[in-house]
Amino acid sequence: MNEPRSTPRREWLIAAGLILLALVPSIAGAFRIGEIASGAPETAENARFIQMPLPVVLHIVGALVYSLVGAFQFLPGLRRRHTAWHRFAGRYLLVPAGLTVAASGLWMTAFYDTPAIADGAVAITRYVVGALMFAFILLGVAAIARRDYSSHGSWMIRAYALAMGAGTQVLTAGASVLVFGEPGAFGHFVQLAAGWLVNAAVAEWVIARRRAASRRRPATVAA
């Protein structure tokens, strides 16, 4: 049976949704880079970025590449028809960008003088998320090296879900502010943790569906 020549509309909608999810943090990141590049006046909110710009610039650029290019890596139709691009993008764009995002996030958490609201549980959670994302990408690379395509996809989905937490946090924080008003330290932690947990849950649901479809495929072919 010939492969379809066009990517199903549903897959393009998935990519569009992922890009939209990355849009708000990407705009905020572009504004931050512009602020650094233009030599904006130092304030309490931007002092850590002005004084130590390298990690935040690496984080923003890495996240932009990772989120936008990654949105197309999980589309089955596109991946099947453009395997060379999938491999090139994964090897030379997504893995370096993803590791940069995770490492720079850990760097900022460790060395930036953050507001008190971002200390304690928030900082610990950022360490955990950054370390997990870094580990998931390396596990995905190890899986593809031994040609375990299923495990490779699962680890990369998990890593991407954590990286997209900033987009989901815009939604969880917005909903929380509307209901409860401006948060304190605990509320801020809940907002951030909710974004990562929602994405992690969706990732595991997608992985479970992929595995179920893979188990059904041989029986379908035999029939």
N, C-alpha and C. Protein backbone atom coordinates (compact mmCIF):
# COMPACT_ATOMS: atom_id res chain seq x y z
N MET A 1 0.85 -1.20 0.00
CA MET A 1 0.00 0.00 0.00
C MET A 1 0.88 1.24 0.00
N ASN A 2 0.59 2.21 -0.85
CA ASN A 2 1.38 3.43 -0.92
C ASN A 2 1.10 4.33 0.27
N GLU A 3 2.16 5.03 0.71
CA GLU A 3 2.00 6.01 1.79
C GLU A 3 1.22 7.21 1.27
N PRO A 4 0.37 7.80 2.08
CA PRO A 4 -0.34 9.00 1.66
C PRO A 4 0.65 10.13 1.38
N ARG A 5 0.31 10.91 0.38
CA ARG A 5 1.22 11.97 -0.04
C ARG A 5 1.10 13.21 0.83
N SER A 6 0.03 13.38 1.54
CA SER A 6 -0.15 14.58 2.35
C SER A 6 -0.27 14.20 3.82
N THR A 7 0.24 15.10 4.67
CA THR A 7 0.12 14.88 6.11
C THR A 7 -1.31 15.13 6.53
N PRO A 8 -1.92 14.22 7.30
CA PRO A 8 -3.30 14.42 7.72
C PRO A 8 -3.50 15.75 8.44
N ARG A 9 -4.69 16.32 8.24
CA ARG A 9 -4.99 17.62 8.84
C ARG A 9 -4.85 17.58 10.35
N ARG A 10 -5.21 16.44 10.95
CA ARG A 10 -5.12 16.32 12.41
C ARG A 10 -3.69 16.52 12.89
N GLU A 11 -2.72 16.01 12.12
CA GLU A 11 -1.32 16.16 12.51
C GLU A 11 -0.87 17.62 12.44
N TRP A 12 -1.32 18.33 11.40
CA TRP A 12 -0.97 19.75 11.32
C TRP A 12 -1.59 20.53 12.47
N LEU A 13 -2.78 20.12 12.90
CA LEU A 13 -3.41 20.79 14.04
C LEU A 13 -2.61 20.57 15.32
N ILE A 14 -2.06 19.36 15.46
CA ILE A 14 -1.22 19.08 16.62
C ILE A 14 0.01 19.99 16.61
N ALA A 15 0.67 20.09 15.46
CA ALA A 15 1.85 20.96 15.35
C ALA A 15 1.49 22.41 15.64
N ALA A 16 0.35 22.86 15.10
CA ALA A 16 -0.08 24.24 15.35
C ALA A 16 -0.35 24.47 16.82
N GLY A 17 -0.97 23.50 17.48
CA GLY A 17 -1.23 23.64 18.91
C GLY A 17 0.04 23.73 19.72
N LEU A 18 1.04 22.92 19.37
CA LEU A 18 2.32 22.97 20.09
C LEU A 18 3.03 24.31 19.86
N ILE A 19 2.96 24.81 18.64
CA ILE A 19 3.59 26.11 18.36
C ILE A 19 2.88 27.22 19.13
N LEU A 20 1.56 27.18 19.18
CA LEU A 20 0.82 28.18 19.95
C LEU A 20 1.17 28.10 21.43
N LEU A 21 1.36 26.88 21.93
CA LEU A 21 1.73 26.71 23.34
C LEU A 21 3.08 27.36 23.63
N ALA A 22 3.98 27.32 22.64
CA ALA A 22 5.31 27.90 22.82
C ALA A 22 5.34 29.39 22.55
N LEU A 23 4.26 29.95 21.99
CA LEU A 23 4.29 31.32 21.49
C LEU A 23 4.51 32.36 22.59
N VAL A 24 3.73 32.27 23.66
CA VAL A 24 3.82 33.30 24.70
C VAL A 24 5.19 33.32 25.36
N PRO A 25 5.72 32.17 25.84
CA PRO A 25 7.07 32.23 26.40
C PRO A 25 8.12 32.63 25.38
N SER A 26 7.90 32.32 24.09
CA SER A 26 8.86 32.71 23.05
C SER A 26 8.87 34.23 22.89
N ILE A 27 7.69 34.84 22.92
CA ILE A 27 7.61 36.30 22.82
C ILE A 27 8.28 36.95 24.03
N ALA A 28 8.01 36.39 25.22
CA ALA A 28 8.63 36.92 26.43
C ALA A 28 10.15 36.78 26.35
N GLY A 29 10.62 35.64 25.81
CA GLY A 29 12.05 35.43 25.67
C GLY A 29 12.69 36.40 24.68
N ALA A 30 11.99 36.65 23.57
CA ALA A 30 12.50 37.60 22.58
C ALA A 30 12.60 38.99 23.18
N PHE A 31 11.61 39.36 24.00
CA PHE A 31 11.64 40.66 24.67
C PHE A 31 12.84 40.73 25.61
N ARG A 32 13.12 39.63 26.33
CA ARG A 32 14.24 39.62 27.27
C ARG A 32 15.56 39.78 26.54
N ILE A 33 15.72 39.06 25.41
CA ILE A 33 16.96 39.19 24.64
C ILE A 33 17.11 40.61 24.10
N GLY A 34 16.01 41.20 23.63
CA GLY A 34 16.05 42.58 23.16
C GLY A 34 16.45 43.54 24.26
N GLU A 35 15.97 43.28 25.46
CA GLU A 35 16.30 44.11 26.61
C GLU A 35 17.80 44.03 26.91
N ILE A 36 18.35 42.82 26.85
CA ILE A 36 19.79 42.65 27.11
C ILE A 36 20.61 43.29 26.00
N ALA A 37 20.22 43.05 24.75
CA ALA A 37 21.00 43.55 23.61
C ALA A 37 20.99 45.07 23.53
N SER A 38 19.90 45.69 23.95
CA SER A 38 19.79 47.14 23.84
C SER A 38 20.38 47.87 25.04
N GLY A 39 20.87 47.11 26.02
CA GLY A 39 21.44 47.75 27.22
C GLY A 39 20.39 48.47 28.05
N ALA A 40 19.26 47.83 28.25
CA ALA A 40 18.17 48.43 29.01
C ALA A 40 18.63 48.74 30.44
N PRO A 41 18.03 49.73 31.07
CA PRO A 41 18.39 50.07 32.45
C PRO A 41 18.17 48.87 33.37
N GLU A 42 19.04 48.71 34.33
CA GLU A 42 18.95 47.59 35.26
C GLU A 42 17.88 47.87 36.31
N THR A 43 17.00 46.90 36.50
CA THR A 43 15.95 46.99 37.52
C THR A 43 16.01 45.76 38.40
N ALA A 44 15.18 45.76 39.45
CA ALA A 44 15.15 44.60 40.33
C ALA A 44 14.70 43.35 39.58
N GLU A 45 13.83 43.54 38.56
CA GLU A 45 13.29 42.40 37.82
C GLU A 45 14.29 41.83 36.82
N ASN A 46 15.14 42.67 36.24
CA ASN A 46 16.03 42.16 35.19
C ASN A 46 17.50 42.16 35.57
N ALA A 47 17.82 42.51 36.82
CA ALA A 47 19.23 42.65 37.21
C ALA A 47 20.01 41.37 36.96
N ARG A 48 19.43 40.23 37.32
CA ARG A 48 20.19 38.98 37.17
C ARG A 48 20.46 38.67 35.72
N PHE A 49 19.56 39.05 34.82
CA PHE A 49 19.75 38.80 33.40
C PHE A 49 20.77 39.76 32.79
N ILE A 50 20.76 41.01 33.23
CA ILE A 50 21.70 42.00 32.72
C ILE A 50 23.12 41.69 33.21
N GLN A 51 23.23 41.28 34.46
CA GLN A 51 24.54 41.01 35.04
C GLN A 51 25.15 39.70 34.54
N MET A 52 24.32 38.71 34.26
CA MET A 52 24.80 37.41 33.76
C MET A 52 23.92 36.98 32.60
N PRO A 53 24.14 37.53 31.40
CA PRO A 53 23.20 37.29 30.30
C PRO A 53 23.34 35.94 29.61
N LEU A 54 24.53 35.32 29.66
CA LEU A 54 24.76 34.13 28.85
C LEU A 54 23.76 32.99 29.09
N PRO A 55 23.52 32.58 30.36
CA PRO A 55 22.60 31.44 30.53
C PRO A 55 21.19 31.71 30.05
N VAL A 56 20.67 32.93 30.26
CA VAL A 56 19.30 33.19 29.83
C VAL A 56 19.20 33.28 28.31
N VAL A 57 20.25 33.81 27.65
CA VAL A 57 20.24 33.86 26.19
C VAL A 57 20.30 32.44 25.62
N LEU A 58 21.18 31.60 26.17
CA LEU A 58 21.25 30.20 25.73
C LEU A 58 19.92 29.50 25.96
N HIS A 59 19.29 29.77 27.10
CA HIS A 59 18.02 29.12 27.43
C HIS A 59 16.92 29.52 26.46
N ILE A 60 16.85 30.80 26.17
CA ILE A 60 15.77 31.29 25.30
C ILE A 60 15.96 30.81 23.87
N VAL A 61 17.17 30.93 23.33
CA VAL A 61 17.42 30.50 21.96
C VAL A 61 17.23 28.99 21.84
N GLY A 62 17.77 28.25 22.83
CA GLY A 62 17.60 26.80 22.81
C GLY A 62 16.14 26.39 22.87
N ALA A 63 15.37 27.06 23.74
CA ALA A 63 13.95 26.73 23.88
C ALA A 63 13.18 27.05 22.60
N LEU A 64 13.55 28.14 21.94
CA LEU A 64 12.86 28.51 20.70
C LEU A 64 13.08 27.44 19.62
N VAL A 65 14.33 27.02 19.45
CA VAL A 65 14.64 25.97 18.47
C VAL A 65 13.95 24.66 18.86
N TYR A 66 14.08 24.30 20.12
CA TYR A 66 13.57 23.01 20.58
C TYR A 66 12.06 22.92 20.45
N SER A 67 11.35 23.98 20.84
CA SER A 67 9.89 23.93 20.82
C SER A 67 9.34 23.99 19.40
N LEU A 68 9.92 24.82 18.55
CA LEU A 68 9.37 24.99 17.20
C LEU A 68 9.74 23.82 16.28
N VAL A 69 11.00 23.44 16.27
CA VAL A 69 11.39 22.29 15.43
C VAL A 69 10.78 21.01 15.98
N GLY A 70 10.76 20.88 17.31
CA GLY A 70 10.22 19.68 17.93
C GLY A 70 8.75 19.46 17.65
N ALA A 71 8.02 20.54 17.38
CA ALA A 71 6.58 20.41 17.12
C ALA A 71 6.30 19.52 15.91
N PHE A 72 7.26 19.42 14.98
CA PHE A 72 7.06 18.64 13.77
C PHE A 72 7.68 17.24 13.85
N GLN A 73 8.45 16.98 14.91
CA GLN A 73 9.12 15.69 15.01
C GLN A 73 8.17 14.55 15.39
N PHE A 74 7.04 14.88 15.98
CA PHE A 74 6.14 13.85 16.49
C PHE A 74 4.96 13.58 15.57
N LEU A 75 5.01 14.10 14.35
CA LEU A 75 3.92 13.88 13.39
C LEU A 75 4.25 12.62 12.59
N PRO A 76 3.51 11.53 12.78
CA PRO A 76 3.87 10.25 12.14
C PRO A 76 3.99 10.33 10.62
N GLY A 77 3.03 10.98 9.98
CA GLY A 77 3.06 11.06 8.53
C GLY A 77 4.28 11.80 8.02
N LEU A 78 4.58 12.93 8.63
CA LEU A 78 5.73 13.74 8.22
C LEU A 78 7.03 12.99 8.50
N ARG A 79 7.07 12.32 9.64
CA ARG A 79 8.29 11.59 10.01
C ARG A 79 8.56 10.43 9.05
N ARG A 80 7.51 9.72 8.63
CA ARG A 80 7.69 8.57 7.73
C ARG A 80 8.18 9.00 6.36
N ARG A 81 7.68 10.14 5.87
CA ARG A 81 8.04 10.57 4.53
C ARG A 81 9.35 11.34 4.47
N HIS A 82 9.78 11.87 5.60
CA HIS A 82 11.00 12.69 5.61
C HIS A 82 11.94 12.20 6.70
N THR A 83 12.33 10.94 6.60
CA THR A 83 13.18 10.35 7.63
C THR A 83 14.54 11.04 7.72
N ALA A 84 15.08 11.46 6.56
CA ALA A 84 16.38 12.12 6.57
C ALA A 84 16.30 13.43 7.36
N TRP A 85 15.23 14.19 7.14
CA TRP A 85 15.07 15.44 7.89
C TRP A 85 14.86 15.15 9.38
N HIS A 86 14.08 14.13 9.68
CA HIS A 86 13.84 13.78 11.08
C HIS A 86 15.16 13.47 11.80
N ARG A 87 16.00 12.72 11.15
CA ARG A 87 17.29 12.36 11.76
C ARG A 87 18.20 13.57 11.86
N PHE A 88 18.26 14.38 10.80
CA PHE A 88 19.11 15.57 10.82
C PHE A 88 18.66 16.53 11.91
N ALA A 89 17.36 16.81 11.97
CA ALA A 89 16.84 17.75 12.96
C ALA A 89 17.07 17.24 14.38
N GLY A 90 16.85 15.94 14.58
CA GLY A 90 17.06 15.39 15.91
C GLY A 90 18.50 15.46 16.34
N ARG A 91 19.40 15.07 15.45
CA ARG A 91 20.82 14.98 15.80
C ARG A 91 21.47 16.34 15.95
N TYR A 92 21.18 17.27 15.02
CA TYR A 92 21.93 18.51 14.96
C TYR A 92 21.18 19.72 15.51
N LEU A 93 19.88 19.61 15.70
CA LEU A 93 19.11 20.73 16.23
C LEU A 93 18.50 20.41 17.59
N LEU A 94 17.71 19.34 17.65
CA LEU A 94 16.91 19.11 18.86
C LEU A 94 17.73 18.61 20.04
N VAL A 95 18.60 17.65 19.82
CA VAL A 95 19.40 17.17 20.96
C VAL A 95 20.29 18.27 21.52
N PRO A 96 21.07 19.00 20.70
CA PRO A 96 21.86 20.10 21.26
C PRO A 96 21.00 21.17 21.92
N ALA A 97 19.88 21.54 21.26
CA ALA A 97 19.03 22.59 21.83
C ALA A 97 18.39 22.13 23.13
N GLY A 98 17.91 20.89 23.18
CA GLY A 98 17.28 20.38 24.39
C GLY A 98 18.25 20.29 25.55
N LEU A 99 19.46 19.79 25.30
CA LEU A 99 20.45 19.73 26.37
C LEU A 99 20.84 21.14 26.84
N THR A 100 20.88 22.08 25.90
CA THR A 100 21.18 23.47 26.26
C THR A 100 20.09 24.05 27.15
N VAL A 101 18.82 23.77 26.80
CA VAL A 101 17.71 24.26 27.62
C VAL A 101 17.79 23.71 29.04
N ALA A 102 18.01 22.41 29.15
CA ALA A 102 18.07 21.78 30.47
C ALA A 102 19.26 22.30 31.27
N ALA A 103 20.44 22.35 30.65
CA ALA A 103 21.65 22.77 31.36
C ALA A 103 21.58 24.24 31.77
N SER A 104 21.09 25.10 30.87
CA SER A 104 21.01 26.52 31.20
C SER A 104 19.94 26.78 32.26
N GLY A 105 18.87 25.98 32.26
CA GLY A 105 17.86 26.11 33.31
C GLY A 105 18.44 25.77 34.67
N LEU A 106 19.24 24.71 34.73
CA LEU A 106 19.91 24.34 35.98
C LEU A 106 20.92 25.43 36.38
N TRP A 107 21.62 25.96 35.41
CA TRP A 107 22.60 27.03 35.66
C TRP A 107 21.92 28.25 36.28
N MET A 108 20.82 28.69 35.69
CA MET A 108 20.11 29.86 36.21
C MET A 108 19.57 29.61 37.61
N THR A 109 19.04 28.41 37.83
CA THR A 109 18.50 28.08 39.14
C THR A 109 19.60 28.11 40.20
N ALA A 110 20.79 27.64 39.83
CA ALA A 110 21.88 27.55 40.80
C ALA A 110 22.52 28.91 41.09
N PHE A 111 22.63 29.78 40.08
CA PHE A 111 23.48 30.97 40.25
C PHE A 111 22.75 32.30 40.16
N TYR A 112 21.52 32.33 39.69
CA TYR A 112 20.81 33.59 39.65
C TYR A 112 20.27 33.95 41.04
N ASP A 113 20.31 35.24 41.32
CA ASP A 113 19.73 35.75 42.56
C ASP A 113 18.23 35.97 42.30
N THR A 114 17.44 34.94 42.52
CA THR A 114 16.02 34.97 42.18
C THR A 114 15.21 35.59 43.30
N PRO A 115 14.00 36.07 42.98
CA PRO A 115 13.12 36.60 44.03
C PRO A 115 12.77 35.51 45.05
N ALA A 116 12.40 35.93 46.24
CA ALA A 116 12.10 34.98 47.32
C ALA A 116 10.99 34.01 46.92
N ILE A 117 10.06 34.45 46.07
CA ILE A 117 8.93 33.61 45.69
C ILE A 117 9.39 32.40 44.86
N ALA A 118 10.60 32.52 44.27
CA ALA A 118 11.13 31.43 43.44
C ALA A 118 12.14 30.56 44.17
N ASP A 119 12.27 30.75 45.46
CA ASP A 119 13.18 29.93 46.26
C ASP A 119 12.45 28.69 46.78
N GLY A 120 13.14 27.89 47.55
CA GLY A 120 12.51 26.75 48.22
C GLY A 120 11.98 25.72 47.26
N ALA A 121 10.69 25.42 47.36
CA ALA A 121 10.07 24.35 46.59
C ALA A 121 10.16 24.61 45.09
N VAL A 122 10.04 25.87 44.68
CA VAL A 122 10.13 26.19 43.25
C VAL A 122 11.52 25.86 42.71
N ALA A 123 12.55 26.25 43.45
CA ALA A 123 13.92 25.97 43.01
C ALA A 123 14.17 24.47 42.95
N ILE A 124 13.72 23.74 43.96
CA ILE A 124 13.91 22.28 43.98
C ILE A 124 13.22 21.65 42.77
N THR A 125 12.00 22.11 42.48
CA THR A 125 11.26 21.56 41.34
C THR A 125 11.99 21.85 40.03
N ARG A 126 12.57 23.04 39.91
CA ARG A 126 13.32 23.37 38.69
C ARG A 126 14.55 22.48 38.54
N TYR A 127 15.21 22.20 39.65
CA TYR A 127 16.35 21.28 39.59
C TYR A 127 15.89 19.90 39.11
N VAL A 128 14.79 19.42 39.67
CA VAL A 128 14.28 18.09 39.30
C VAL A 128 13.89 18.05 37.82
N VAL A 129 13.16 19.06 37.37
CA VAL A 129 12.71 19.09 35.97
C VAL A 129 13.89 19.19 35.02
N GLY A 130 14.85 20.07 35.32
CA GLY A 130 16.02 20.21 34.47
C GLY A 130 16.83 18.93 34.38
N ALA A 131 17.03 18.28 35.53
CA ALA A 131 17.79 17.02 35.54
C ALA A 131 17.05 15.92 34.78
N LEU A 132 15.73 15.85 34.96
CA LEU A 132 14.95 14.83 34.25
C LEU A 132 14.97 15.06 32.74
N MET A 133 14.82 16.30 32.33
CA MET A 133 14.83 16.59 30.90
C MET A 133 16.18 16.20 30.29
N PHE A 134 17.26 16.56 30.96
CA PHE A 134 18.60 16.21 30.49
C PHE A 134 18.73 14.69 30.37
N ALA A 135 18.29 13.98 31.42
CA ALA A 135 18.39 12.52 31.44
C ALA A 135 17.52 11.89 30.36
N PHE A 136 16.30 12.41 30.16
CA PHE A 136 15.40 11.84 29.15
C PHE A 136 16.00 11.95 27.75
N ILE A 137 16.62 13.09 27.45
CA ILE A 137 17.22 13.26 26.13
C ILE A 137 18.36 12.27 25.93
N LEU A 138 19.20 12.11 26.95
CA LEU A 138 20.31 11.16 26.84
C LEU A 138 19.79 9.72 26.71
N LEU A 139 18.73 9.40 27.43
CA LEU A 139 18.13 8.07 27.29
C LEU A 139 17.55 7.87 25.90
N GLY A 140 16.98 8.93 25.33
CA GLY A 140 16.47 8.85 23.96
C GLY A 140 17.58 8.64 22.96
N VAL A 141 18.70 9.31 23.16
CA VAL A 141 19.85 9.13 22.27
C VAL A 141 20.39 7.70 22.39
N ALA A 142 20.48 7.21 23.62
CA ALA A 142 20.96 5.84 23.83
C ALA A 142 20.02 4.83 23.18
N ALA A 143 18.72 5.07 23.26
CA ALA A 143 17.74 4.16 22.67
C ALA A 143 17.87 4.10 21.15
N ILE A 144 18.04 5.26 20.52
CA ILE A 144 18.13 5.25 19.05
C ILE A 144 19.46 4.64 18.61
N ALA A 145 20.50 4.75 19.43
CA ALA A 145 21.79 4.15 19.09
C ALA A 145 21.69 2.62 19.04
N ARG A 146 20.81 2.05 19.87
CA ARG A 146 20.61 0.59 19.82
C ARG A 146 19.38 0.21 18.99
N ARG A 147 18.85 1.18 18.22
CA ARG A 147 17.73 0.99 17.30
C ARG A 147 16.44 0.57 18.01
N ASP A 148 16.27 1.06 19.22
CA ASP A 148 15.03 0.85 19.95
C ASP A 148 14.15 2.08 19.70
N TYR A 149 13.44 2.06 18.57
CA TYR A 149 12.71 3.23 18.12
C TYR A 149 11.55 3.58 19.06
N SER A 150 10.91 2.58 19.61
CA SER A 150 9.78 2.83 20.51
C SER A 150 10.24 3.58 21.76
N SER A 151 11.30 3.08 22.40
CA SER A 151 11.82 3.75 23.60
C SER A 151 12.36 5.13 23.27
N HIS A 152 13.01 5.25 22.11
CA HIS A 152 13.51 6.57 21.68
C HIS A 152 12.38 7.59 21.64
N GLY A 153 11.28 7.23 20.97
CA GLY A 153 10.16 8.15 20.89
C GLY A 153 9.58 8.49 22.24
N SER A 154 9.48 7.50 23.12
CA SER A 154 8.90 7.74 24.45
C SER A 154 9.75 8.70 25.26
N TRP A 155 11.07 8.50 25.27
CA TRP A 155 11.93 9.40 26.05
C TRP A 155 11.92 10.81 25.48
N MET A 156 11.89 10.93 24.16
CA MET A 156 11.89 12.26 23.56
C MET A 156 10.56 12.98 23.79
N ILE A 157 9.46 12.24 23.82
CA ILE A 157 8.17 12.85 24.14
C ILE A 157 8.19 13.39 25.57
N ARG A 158 8.74 12.61 26.49
CA ARG A 158 8.82 13.05 27.89
C ARG A 158 9.67 14.32 28.03
N ALA A 159 10.81 14.34 27.34
CA ALA A 159 11.68 15.51 27.42
C ALA A 159 10.99 16.74 26.83
N TYR A 160 10.33 16.57 25.71
CA TYR A 160 9.64 17.69 25.07
C TYR A 160 8.51 18.21 25.95
N ALA A 161 7.80 17.32 26.60
CA ALA A 161 6.71 17.72 27.48
C ALA A 161 7.22 18.61 28.61
N LEU A 162 8.34 18.25 29.19
CA LEU A 162 8.90 19.07 30.27
C LEU A 162 9.36 20.43 29.73
N ALA A 163 9.97 20.43 28.56
CA ALA A 163 10.43 21.69 27.97
C ALA A 163 9.27 22.63 27.68
N MET A 164 8.11 22.07 27.33
CA MET A 164 6.95 22.90 27.00
C MET A 164 6.19 23.35 28.25
N GLY A 165 6.74 23.06 29.41
CA GLY A 165 6.06 23.45 30.66
C GLY A 165 5.81 24.94 30.75
N ALA A 166 6.73 25.75 30.23
CA ALA A 166 6.56 27.21 30.32
C ALA A 166 5.28 27.67 29.62
N GLY A 167 4.96 27.02 28.49
CA GLY A 167 3.73 27.39 27.80
C GLY A 167 2.50 27.02 28.59
N THR A 168 2.47 25.83 29.15
CA THR A 168 1.33 25.40 29.95
C THR A 168 1.21 26.22 31.23
N GLN A 169 2.35 26.65 31.77
CA GLN A 169 2.32 27.46 32.99
C GLN A 169 1.66 28.82 32.76
N VAL A 170 1.72 29.31 31.53
CA VAL A 170 0.98 30.55 31.22
C VAL A 170 -0.51 30.32 31.46
N LEU A 171 -1.00 29.13 31.08
CA LEU A 171 -2.42 28.80 31.26
C LEU A 171 -2.75 28.53 32.72
N THR A 172 -1.91 27.72 33.40
CA THR A 172 -2.20 27.40 34.80
C THR A 172 -2.08 28.63 35.68
N ALA A 173 -1.10 29.49 35.41
CA ALA A 173 -0.95 30.71 36.21
C ALA A 173 -2.11 31.67 35.94
N GLY A 174 -2.49 31.79 34.65
CA GLY A 174 -3.60 32.69 34.32
C GLY A 174 -4.89 32.27 34.98
N ALA A 175 -5.18 30.97 34.94
CA ALA A 175 -6.40 30.48 35.58
C ALA A 175 -6.36 30.69 37.09
N SER A 176 -5.20 30.48 37.68
CA SER A 176 -5.07 30.64 39.13
C SER A 176 -5.26 32.09 39.54
N VAL A 177 -4.68 33.01 38.78
CA VAL A 177 -4.82 34.43 39.11
C VAL A 177 -6.28 34.87 39.00
N LEU A 178 -6.98 34.39 37.98
CA LEU A 178 -8.39 34.75 37.82
C LEU A 178 -9.24 34.27 39.00
N VAL A 179 -8.91 33.08 39.51
CA VAL A 179 -9.71 32.50 40.59
C VAL A 179 -9.27 32.98 41.97
N PHE A 180 -7.94 33.01 42.19
CA PHE A 180 -7.44 33.26 43.54
C PHE A 180 -6.69 34.58 43.70
N GLY A 181 -6.44 35.30 42.59
CA GLY A 181 -5.66 36.53 42.68
C GLY A 181 -4.17 36.24 42.64
N GLU A 182 -3.37 37.28 42.86
CA GLU A 182 -1.92 37.13 42.81
C GLU A 182 -1.44 36.14 43.86
N PRO A 183 -0.56 35.20 43.47
CA PRO A 183 -0.18 34.12 44.39
C PRO A 183 0.91 34.52 45.37
N GLY A 184 0.95 33.81 46.48
CA GLY A 184 2.10 33.84 47.36
C GLY A 184 3.09 32.79 46.92
N ALA A 185 4.05 32.48 47.80
CA ALA A 185 5.09 31.52 47.44
C ALA A 185 4.51 30.15 47.13
N PHE A 186 3.57 29.68 47.97
CA PHE A 186 3.00 28.36 47.74
C PHE A 186 2.16 28.34 46.46
N GLY A 187 1.36 29.38 46.26
CA GLY A 187 0.55 29.46 45.06
C GLY A 187 1.39 29.49 43.80
N HIS A 188 2.52 30.20 43.85
CA HIS A 188 3.43 30.26 42.70
C HIS A 188 4.00 28.88 42.40
N PHE A 189 4.35 28.16 43.45
CA PHE A 189 4.85 26.79 43.28
C PHE A 189 3.79 25.90 42.64
N VAL A 190 2.55 26.01 43.10
CA VAL A 190 1.46 25.19 42.55
C VAL A 190 1.25 25.50 41.07
N GLN A 191 1.30 26.78 40.72
CA GLN A 191 1.11 27.17 39.32
C GLN A 191 2.16 26.53 38.42
N LEU A 192 3.42 26.62 38.83
CA LEU A 192 4.50 26.06 38.01
C LEU A 192 4.44 24.54 37.97
N ALA A 193 4.26 23.93 39.16
CA ALA A 193 4.22 22.47 39.22
C ALA A 193 3.05 21.93 38.40
N ALA A 194 1.91 22.62 38.42
CA ALA A 194 0.75 22.17 37.66
C ALA A 194 1.06 22.12 36.16
N GLY A 195 1.78 23.12 35.66
CA GLY A 195 2.12 23.12 34.24
C GLY A 195 2.95 21.91 33.85
N TRP A 196 3.96 21.61 34.65
CA TRP A 196 4.80 20.44 34.34
C TRP A 196 4.04 19.13 34.51
N LEU A 197 3.20 19.04 35.56
CA LEU A 197 2.45 17.81 35.80
C LEU A 197 1.43 17.55 34.69
N VAL A 198 0.75 18.59 34.24
CA VAL A 198 -0.20 18.44 33.14
C VAL A 198 0.51 17.91 31.90
N ASN A 199 1.65 18.52 31.57
CA ASN A 199 2.39 18.07 30.39
C ASN A 199 2.90 16.65 30.54
N ALA A 200 3.38 16.31 31.74
CA ALA A 200 3.87 14.94 31.97
C ALA A 200 2.74 13.93 31.82
N ALA A 201 1.56 14.27 32.33
CA ALA A 201 0.42 13.36 32.22
C ALA A 201 0.00 13.17 30.76
N VAL A 202 -0.02 14.27 29.99
CA VAL A 202 -0.36 14.18 28.57
C VAL A 202 0.68 13.33 27.83
N ALA A 203 1.95 13.53 28.17
CA ALA A 203 3.01 12.75 27.53
C ALA A 203 2.83 11.26 27.78
N GLU A 204 2.52 10.87 29.01
CA GLU A 204 2.34 9.45 29.31
C GLU A 204 1.11 8.90 28.60
N TRP A 205 0.08 9.72 28.45
CA TRP A 205 -1.12 9.29 27.71
C TRP A 205 -0.78 9.04 26.23
N VAL A 206 -0.01 9.95 25.65
CA VAL A 206 0.40 9.79 24.24
C VAL A 206 1.26 8.54 24.08
N ILE A 207 2.19 8.34 25.01
CA ILE A 207 3.07 7.17 24.94
C ILE A 207 2.26 5.88 25.06
N ALA A 208 1.29 5.86 25.96
CA ALA A 208 0.45 4.67 26.12
C ALA A 208 -0.34 4.39 24.84
N ARG A 209 -0.86 5.42 24.18
CA ARG A 209 -1.59 5.24 22.92
C ARG A 209 -0.67 4.71 21.82
N ARG A 210 0.53 5.22 21.77
CA ARG A 210 1.50 4.75 20.77
C ARG A 210 1.81 3.27 20.97
N ARG A 211 1.99 2.88 22.23
CA ARG A 211 2.30 1.48 22.52
C ARG A 211 1.12 0.57 22.18
N ALA A 212 -0.09 1.04 22.50
CA ALA A 212 -1.27 0.23 22.18
C ALA A 212 -1.42 0.07 20.68
N ALA A 213 -1.18 1.14 19.92
CA ALA A 213 -1.27 1.07 18.46
C ALA A 213 -0.21 0.14 17.90
N SER A 214 0.99 0.17 18.51
CA SER A 214 2.07 -0.70 18.04
C SER A 214 1.74 -2.18 18.28
N ARG A 215 1.08 -2.46 19.41
CA ARG A 215 0.70 -3.85 19.70
C ARG A 215 -0.38 -4.34 18.75
N ARG A 216 -1.26 -3.44 18.32
CA ARG A 216 -2.35 -3.84 17.43
C ARG A 216 -1.88 -4.02 16.00
N ARG A 217 -0.81 -3.35 15.61
CA ARG A 217 -0.41 -3.31 14.21
C ARG A 217 -0.12 -4.68 13.61
N PRO A 218 0.65 -5.56 14.27
CA PRO A 218 0.91 -6.88 13.67
C PRO A 218 -0.37 -7.68 13.42
N ALA A 219 -1.32 -7.61 14.36
CA ALA A 219 -2.57 -8.34 14.19
C ALA A 219 -3.36 -7.80 13.00
N THR A 220 -3.30 -6.47 12.80
CA THR A 220 -4.01 -5.87 11.68
C THR A 220 -3.40 -6.32 10.36
N VAL A 221 -2.04 -6.33 10.32
CA VAL A 221 -1.37 -6.74 9.09
C VAL A 221 -1.68 -8.19 8.77
N ALA A 222 -1.65 -9.05 9.82
CA ALA A 222 -1.93 -10.47 9.62
C ALA A 222 -3.34 -10.69 9.09
N ALA A 223 -4.28 -9.91 9.65
CA ALA A 223 -5.66 -10.04 9.19
C ALA A 223 -5.79 -9.62 7.75
